Amino acid sequence: MRLKTKYSATAVLAAGLAALVLAACGGSSNSGSSGSSGNASTMGTSGGVLSVKSVDNSDVLTNSQGKSLYTANVEKGGSIMCTSGCTTFWMPADGSAAQAKTAAADLNLNIGAVKRPGGADQLTLNGKPLYSFTQEGAGKLTGNGFMDAFNGTHFTWSAATTGGTTPASSGSSSGGGSAYSSGY
């Protein structure tokens, strides 16, 4: 027994168009916003390791979780001064030399990698090691301009921007000379 079904050309065309629209809408989960804050949007990405996002009107490097990345004024030429207690607050941006090379090409920035004192690789921007601030969420810049001290070394943290200019600082300071202070 054969069932006869009639479909009009209009119904078939409508179903086809609906499928195309649904496919176009469901393609990518990267919508251009961070999801945690209405003030960040994606500018460029590099294989999930680094992205450039607009945060507080500045183009800032971010990690795969969308957290802003920072450099320390005392770390230049690949030197690592943020160790032990410092990394409790400032998380090194992990990434291999191969990932750094891909990020440099994708983002057209001077991204590299340096070995930390324990052997782990850490991403750099213009030779300065990159860190995220553990006390801040994605799409924020609260660590910009932050001052603290660990093991007798005084740090001032700056957002890793792509335009060469640093956004206005948050003015935060730990105000102490201990391994960490109440400023956190």
Protein backbone atom coordinates (compact mmCIF):
# COMPACT_ATOMS: atom_id res chain seq x y z
CA MET A 1 0.00 0.00 0.00
CA ARG A 2 1.37 3.32 -1.03
CA LEU A 3 0.55 6.60 0.71
CA LYS A 4 0.13 9.57 -1.50
CA THR A 5 1.46 12.82 -0.15
CA LYS A 6 1.30 16.09 -1.96
CA TYR A 7 3.72 18.86 -1.22
CA SER A 8 3.43 22.20 -2.88
CA ALA A 9 6.52 23.82 -4.31
CA THR A 10 5.94 26.73 -1.91
CA ALA A 11 6.00 24.43 1.14
CA VAL A 12 9.22 22.73 0.01
CA LEU A 13 10.87 26.09 -0.68
CA ALA A 14 9.76 27.46 2.73
CA ALA A 15 11.15 24.40 4.53
CA GLY A 16 14.47 24.76 2.69
CA LEU A 17 14.77 28.44 3.56
CA ALA A 18 13.95 27.73 7.21
CA ALA A 19 16.74 25.13 7.34
CA LEU A 20 19.23 27.61 5.85
CA VAL A 21 18.26 30.31 8.36
CA LEU A 22 18.60 27.90 11.29
CA ALA A 23 22.01 26.70 10.04
CA ALA A 24 23.26 30.27 9.72
CA CYS A 25 22.07 31.18 13.21
CA GLY A 26 23.61 28.17 14.93
CA GLY A 27 27.08 28.26 13.37
CA SER A 28 29.31 29.90 15.96
CA SER A 29 29.14 30.45 19.67
CA ASN A 30 31.51 33.44 19.54
CA SER A 31 28.98 36.23 19.45
CA GLY A 32 31.43 39.06 19.95
CA SER A 33 30.65 39.73 23.59
CA SER A 34 32.17 38.29 26.69
CA GLY A 35 28.89 37.26 28.24
CA SER A 36 29.95 38.35 31.72
CA SER A 37 30.10 42.04 31.07
CA GLY A 38 28.37 44.30 28.63
CA ASN A 39 31.54 46.32 28.03
CA ALA A 40 33.77 43.80 26.23
CA SER A 41 33.67 42.70 22.63
CA THR A 42 35.94 40.41 20.64
CA MET A 43 38.30 42.07 18.15
CA GLY A 44 40.46 39.10 17.09
CA THR A 45 41.30 35.61 18.25
CA SER A 46 44.19 33.21 18.01
CA GLY A 47 43.44 29.52 18.36
CA GLY A 48 41.77 29.93 21.74
CA VAL A 49 44.97 30.94 23.57
CA LEU A 50 44.74 34.73 23.20
CA SER A 51 42.15 37.19 21.99
CA VAL A 52 41.97 40.93 21.60
CA LYS A 53 38.86 42.42 23.19
CA SER A 54 37.62 45.93 23.65
CA VAL A 55 37.45 46.47 27.40
CA ASP A 56 36.63 49.92 28.77
CA ASN A 57 37.34 51.42 25.33
CA SER A 58 40.82 49.85 25.04
CA ASP A 59 41.93 46.92 22.89
CA VAL A 60 43.29 44.48 25.48
CA LEU A 61 44.82 41.01 25.17
CA THR A 62 42.71 38.41 26.97
CA ASN A 63 43.17 34.75 27.80
CA SER A 64 40.89 31.89 26.73
CA GLN A 65 38.52 32.68 29.63
CA GLY A 66 38.16 36.31 28.47
CA LYS A 67 40.18 37.71 31.38
CA SER A 68 42.34 40.76 30.67
CA LEU A 69 46.09 40.19 30.60
CA TYR A 70 48.68 42.36 32.30
CA THR A 71 52.43 42.97 32.37
CA ALA A 72 54.56 44.00 35.34
CA ASN A 73 56.84 47.02 35.15
CA VAL A 74 59.78 45.07 36.66
CA GLU A 75 59.66 42.20 34.18
CA LYS A 76 61.48 43.01 30.96
CA GLY A 77 63.30 40.95 28.39
CA GLY A 78 61.74 37.73 29.60
CA SER A 79 62.85 38.06 33.23
CA ILE A 80 60.39 36.52 35.71
CA MET A 81 60.02 38.33 39.02
CA CYS A 82 56.46 37.21 39.87
CA THR A 83 56.97 33.88 41.62
CA SER A 84 55.59 31.99 44.65
CA GLY A 85 53.04 34.20 46.49
CA CYS A 86 52.78 36.60 43.56
CA THR A 87 51.26 33.89 41.36
CA THR A 88 48.46 33.47 43.89
CA PHE A 89 47.13 36.82 42.64
CA TRP A 90 48.74 37.09 39.20
CA MET A 91 48.26 33.89 37.16
CA PRO A 92 50.90 33.34 34.44
CA ALA A 93 49.44 33.12 30.91
CA ASP A 94 50.42 29.59 29.92
CA GLY A 95 51.33 28.89 26.33
CA SER A 96 53.98 27.10 24.32
CA ALA A 97 56.38 28.63 21.80
CA ALA A 98 54.26 27.11 19.00
CA GLN A 99 51.09 28.71 20.41
CA ALA A 100 52.94 32.03 20.73
CA LYS A 101 54.02 31.84 17.09
CA THR A 102 50.44 31.16 15.97
CA ALA A 103 49.11 34.00 18.15
CA ALA A 104 51.75 36.40 16.81
CA ALA A 105 50.74 35.63 13.22
CA ASP A 106 46.98 35.64 13.89
CA LEU A 107 46.94 38.85 15.91
CA ASN A 108 49.86 40.61 14.19
CA LEU A 109 51.53 41.26 17.55
CA ASN A 110 54.95 40.54 19.06
CA ILE A 111 53.83 37.48 21.05
CA GLY A 112 56.48 35.09 22.37
CA ALA A 113 57.07 32.56 25.12
CA VAL A 114 59.55 32.42 27.97
CA LYS A 115 60.45 29.66 30.44
CA ARG A 116 59.34 30.26 34.02
CA PRO A 117 61.59 29.19 36.94
CA GLY A 118 60.11 25.60 37.16
CA GLY A 119 60.20 25.05 33.42
CA ALA A 120 56.63 25.98 32.40
CA ASP A 121 56.15 28.16 29.33
CA GLN A 122 54.57 31.60 29.70
CA LEU A 123 53.32 33.88 26.92
CA THR A 124 54.84 37.33 26.49
CA LEU A 125 53.95 40.56 24.70
CA ASN A 126 56.95 42.56 23.48
CA GLY A 127 59.18 40.43 25.74
CA LYS A 128 57.10 41.09 28.89
CA PRO A 129 55.48 38.07 30.57
CA LEU A 130 51.66 38.08 30.59
CA TYR A 131 49.41 37.46 33.63
CA SER A 132 45.73 37.52 34.49
CA PHE A 133 44.54 39.02 37.77
CA THR A 134 42.84 36.30 39.82
CA GLN A 135 40.70 38.86 41.66
CA GLU A 136 38.88 40.03 38.53
CA GLY A 137 36.33 38.52 36.17
CA ALA A 138 36.24 38.43 32.40
CA GLY A 139 35.84 41.74 30.59
CA LYS A 140 37.23 43.83 33.47
CA LEU A 141 40.34 46.01 33.95
CA THR A 142 40.48 46.34 37.74
CA GLY A 143 44.13 45.23 37.87
CA ASN A 144 45.33 48.04 35.61
CA GLY A 145 47.65 50.36 37.53
CA PHE A 146 47.58 48.07 40.56
CA MET A 147 50.68 48.29 42.77
CA ASP A 148 51.88 45.56 45.10
CA ALA A 149 55.04 43.96 46.48
CA PHE A 150 56.22 40.37 46.78
CA ASN A 151 59.52 39.21 48.28
CA GLY A 152 60.83 42.79 48.38
CA THR A 153 60.03 43.54 44.72
CA HIS A 154 57.52 46.29 43.96
CA PHE A 155 55.22 45.72 40.99
CA THR A 156 53.01 48.06 39.00
CA TRP A 157 50.68 46.19 36.65
CA SER A 158 49.56 47.50 33.26
CA ALA A 159 46.95 46.13 30.90
CA ALA A 160 48.47 44.46 27.83
CA THR A 161 47.01 46.62 25.08
CA THR A 162 47.48 46.28 21.35
CA GLY A 163 47.63 49.99 20.57
CA GLY A 164 50.66 50.76 22.71
CA THR A 165 48.70 53.01 25.05
CA THR A 166 47.64 51.92 28.50
CA PRO A 167 44.08 52.67 29.61
CA ALA A 168 43.55 54.91 32.62
CA SER A 169 44.54 53.03 35.76
CA SER A 170 42.19 51.86 38.44
CA GLY A 171 44.35 53.57 41.05
CA SER A 172 44.43 50.48 43.25
CA SER A 173 47.33 49.83 45.52
CA SER A 174 48.07 47.17 48.02
CA GLY A 175 49.94 49.70 50.11
CA GLY A 176 52.14 47.15 51.84
CA GLY A 177 55.51 45.54 51.56
CA SER A 178 54.47 42.03 52.51
CA ALA A 179 54.07 39.03 50.25
CA TYR A 180 50.48 40.17 49.82
CA SER A 181 48.32 42.78 51.43
CA SER A 182 44.80 43.77 52.24
CA GLY A 183 44.56 45.62 48.93
CA TYR A 184 43.28 42.36 47.43
